Amino acid sequence: MKEKIRFIINPIAGTSAKKELPELIRKNLDPGKYEMEILFTEYAGHATELTKDGIKEGIRYFVATGGDGSVKEIATALVHQNAVLGIIPRGSGNGLARNLGIPLDTAEAVKTINRPHIMTIDSCKAGEEYFFNIAGVGFDGLIAHRFAGSR
């Protein structure tokens, strides 16, 4: 039986257009392993909602297609769930993907999903916010906040 997999694409992450992504995903994902669904986020927090909805639908595999912010939104919804997060790095920094050794080339990142290496990573919580790679306070936090609000 094929596993359902939900790709959640943030169309404004990073610097390049995302229109070609669905075709690139279809071309490189093994259709014998996965029943794929591709959704685009429409606003901040939407990736978390799409992930929570998918969990209710019984989906176990979620792929964040965007940057660290997209990864954070989806990963936050997966904390303490029996689900798997994949990452296709398409942001400006891609810190967690880099630290996990995920290829920055989109086609290669999709191909890694065909031969998954599933590992558990830690999550941390500061106040009500989870983080999975780095967290900053003071000047670092100010810069991150300003960057998140910029185009």
Protein backbone atom coordinates (compact mmCIF):
# COMPACT_ATOMS: atom_id res chain seq x y z
CA MET A 1 0.00 0.00 0.00
CA LYS A 2 1.31 3.43 -0.93
CA GLU A 3 1.89 6.01 1.79
CA LYS A 4 0.14 9.36 1.48
CA ILE A 5 2.58 12.25 1.40
CA ARG A 6 1.67 15.94 1.60
CA PHE A 7 4.02 18.50 0.08
CA ILE A 8 3.41 21.95 1.51
CA ILE A 9 4.97 24.66 -0.65
CA ASN A 10 5.56 28.20 0.56
CA PRO A 11 5.38 30.22 -2.67
CA ILE A 12 7.14 33.27 -1.20
CA ALA A 13 10.08 31.52 0.52
CA GLY A 14 13.54 32.28 -0.81
CA THR A 15 14.25 34.16 -3.97
CA SER A 16 13.06 31.95 -6.83
CA ALA A 17 9.62 31.21 -8.25
CA LYS A 18 7.87 28.02 -7.17
CA LYS A 19 5.57 27.42 -10.15
CA GLU A 20 7.82 24.67 -11.52
CA LEU A 21 7.91 22.75 -8.24
CA PRO A 22 4.84 20.51 -8.66
CA GLU A 23 6.16 19.15 -11.96
CA LEU A 24 9.67 18.73 -10.55
CA ILE A 25 8.26 16.82 -7.58
CA ARG A 26 6.09 14.59 -9.81
CA LYS A 27 9.08 13.89 -12.06
CA ASN A 28 11.40 12.82 -9.22
CA LEU A 29 9.12 11.20 -6.62
CA ASP A 30 8.61 7.43 -6.89
CA PRO A 31 4.88 6.99 -7.70
CA GLY A 32 5.09 3.35 -6.61
CA LYS A 33 5.87 4.38 -3.02
CA TYR A 34 3.75 7.45 -2.45
CA GLU A 35 0.33 8.88 -3.14
CA MET A 36 1.23 12.54 -3.40
CA GLU A 37 -0.65 15.70 -2.64
CA ILE A 38 0.76 19.18 -3.28
CA LEU A 39 -0.60 22.25 -1.51
CA PHE A 40 0.53 25.89 -1.50
CA THR A 41 0.40 28.07 1.58
CA GLU A 42 -1.58 31.29 1.34
CA TYR A 43 -0.66 33.12 4.56
CA ALA A 44 1.54 32.92 7.65
CA GLY A 45 0.48 29.97 9.80
CA HIS A 46 -1.22 28.17 6.91
CA ALA A 47 1.44 25.44 6.76
CA THR A 48 0.70 24.55 10.39
CA GLU A 49 -3.02 24.33 9.62
CA LEU A 50 -2.44 22.17 6.53
CA THR A 51 -0.24 19.86 8.58
CA LYS A 52 -2.74 19.52 11.43
CA ASP A 53 -5.52 18.83 8.92
CA GLY A 54 -3.34 16.18 7.28
CA ILE A 55 -2.68 14.48 10.61
CA LYS A 56 -6.45 14.30 11.20
CA GLU A 57 -6.79 12.74 7.73
CA GLY A 58 -4.25 10.06 8.65
CA ILE A 59 -1.34 11.39 6.59
CA ARG A 60 2.05 10.50 8.12
CA TYR A 61 4.48 12.08 5.68
CA PHE A 62 4.80 15.85 5.29
CA VAL A 63 7.35 17.73 3.22
CA ALA A 64 8.20 21.35 3.91
CA THR A 65 9.07 23.02 0.63
CA GLY A 66 10.41 26.43 1.52
CA GLY A 67 12.83 27.86 4.05
CA ASP A 68 13.43 27.55 7.76
CA GLY A 69 10.16 29.37 8.54
CA SER A 70 8.16 26.84 6.54
CA VAL A 71 10.02 23.99 8.21
CA LYS A 72 9.28 25.50 11.64
CA GLU A 73 5.55 25.84 10.92
CA ILE A 74 5.22 22.23 9.80
CA ALA A 75 7.57 20.76 12.41
CA THR A 76 5.68 22.57 15.18
CA ALA A 77 2.51 20.73 14.17
CA LEU A 78 4.40 17.41 14.14
CA VAL A 79 5.80 17.61 17.69
CA HIS A 80 4.69 14.45 19.58
CA GLN A 81 2.93 13.06 16.49
CA ASN A 82 3.60 9.77 14.75
CA ALA A 83 4.58 11.53 11.54
CA VAL A 84 7.62 12.23 9.40
CA LEU A 85 8.96 15.57 8.18
CA GLY A 86 10.81 15.86 4.90
CA ILE A 87 12.47 19.03 3.68
CA ILE A 88 12.98 20.41 0.19
CA PRO A 89 15.12 23.48 0.88
CA ARG A 90 13.92 26.48 -1.13
CA GLY A 91 14.52 29.32 1.32
CA SER A 92 17.26 31.87 1.62
CA GLY A 93 19.23 30.13 4.40
CA ASN A 94 17.98 26.54 4.74
CA GLY A 95 19.82 26.10 8.03
CA LEU A 96 18.14 22.91 9.27
CA ALA A 97 18.34 21.24 5.85
CA ARG A 98 22.05 22.05 5.65
CA ASN A 99 22.65 20.69 9.17
CA LEU A 100 20.82 17.47 8.31
CA GLY A 101 22.75 17.01 5.05
CA ILE A 102 19.73 17.40 2.78
CA PRO A 103 20.77 18.33 -0.77
CA LEU A 104 20.09 21.94 -1.72
CA ASP A 105 19.35 20.87 -5.30
CA THR A 106 15.57 20.45 -5.49
CA ALA A 107 15.51 17.32 -7.67
CA GLU A 108 18.13 15.63 -5.47
CA ALA A 109 16.21 16.57 -2.32
CA VAL A 110 13.04 14.98 -3.76
CA LYS A 111 14.98 11.83 -4.70
CA THR A 112 16.12 11.43 -1.07
CA ILE A 113 12.45 11.01 -0.14
CA ASN A 114 12.38 7.87 -2.31
CA ARG A 115 15.03 6.30 -0.05
CA PRO A 116 14.17 7.83 3.31
CA HIS A 117 16.56 7.99 6.22
CA ILE A 118 14.26 8.73 9.13
CA MET A 119 15.80 10.09 12.32
CA THR A 120 14.49 11.72 15.45
CA ILE A 121 15.61 15.27 16.15
CA ASP A 122 15.14 17.37 19.25
CA SER A 123 12.73 20.22 19.53
CA CYS A 124 13.08 23.07 21.99
CA LYS A 125 10.50 25.47 23.28
CA ALA A 126 11.01 29.05 24.41
CA GLY A 127 7.81 30.47 25.82
CA GLU A 128 5.14 29.21 23.43
CA GLU A 129 7.43 28.96 20.39
CA TYR A 130 9.15 25.79 19.23
CA PHE A 131 12.46 25.85 17.47
CA PHE A 132 14.35 23.03 15.77
CA ASN A 133 17.67 24.41 14.69
CA ILE A 134 18.60 27.76 16.20
CA ALA A 135 17.00 30.49 18.27
CA GLY A 136 18.18 34.01 18.79
CA VAL A 137 17.57 36.78 21.28
CA GLY A 138 18.62 40.41 21.47
CA PHE A 139 20.18 41.77 18.29
CA ASP A 140 20.00 38.36 16.55
CA GLY A 141 16.27 38.17 17.28
CA LEU A 142 15.73 41.72 16.05
CA ILE A 143 17.45 40.97 12.73
CA ALA A 144 15.50 37.73 12.28
CA HIS A 145 12.24 39.55 13.01
CA ARG A 146 13.04 42.30 10.51
CA PHE A 147 14.16 39.77 7.88
CA ALA A 148 10.91 37.79 8.28
CA GLY A 149 8.91 40.93 7.57
CA SER A 150 10.92 42.03 4.55
CA ARG A 151 10.59 41.15 0.91
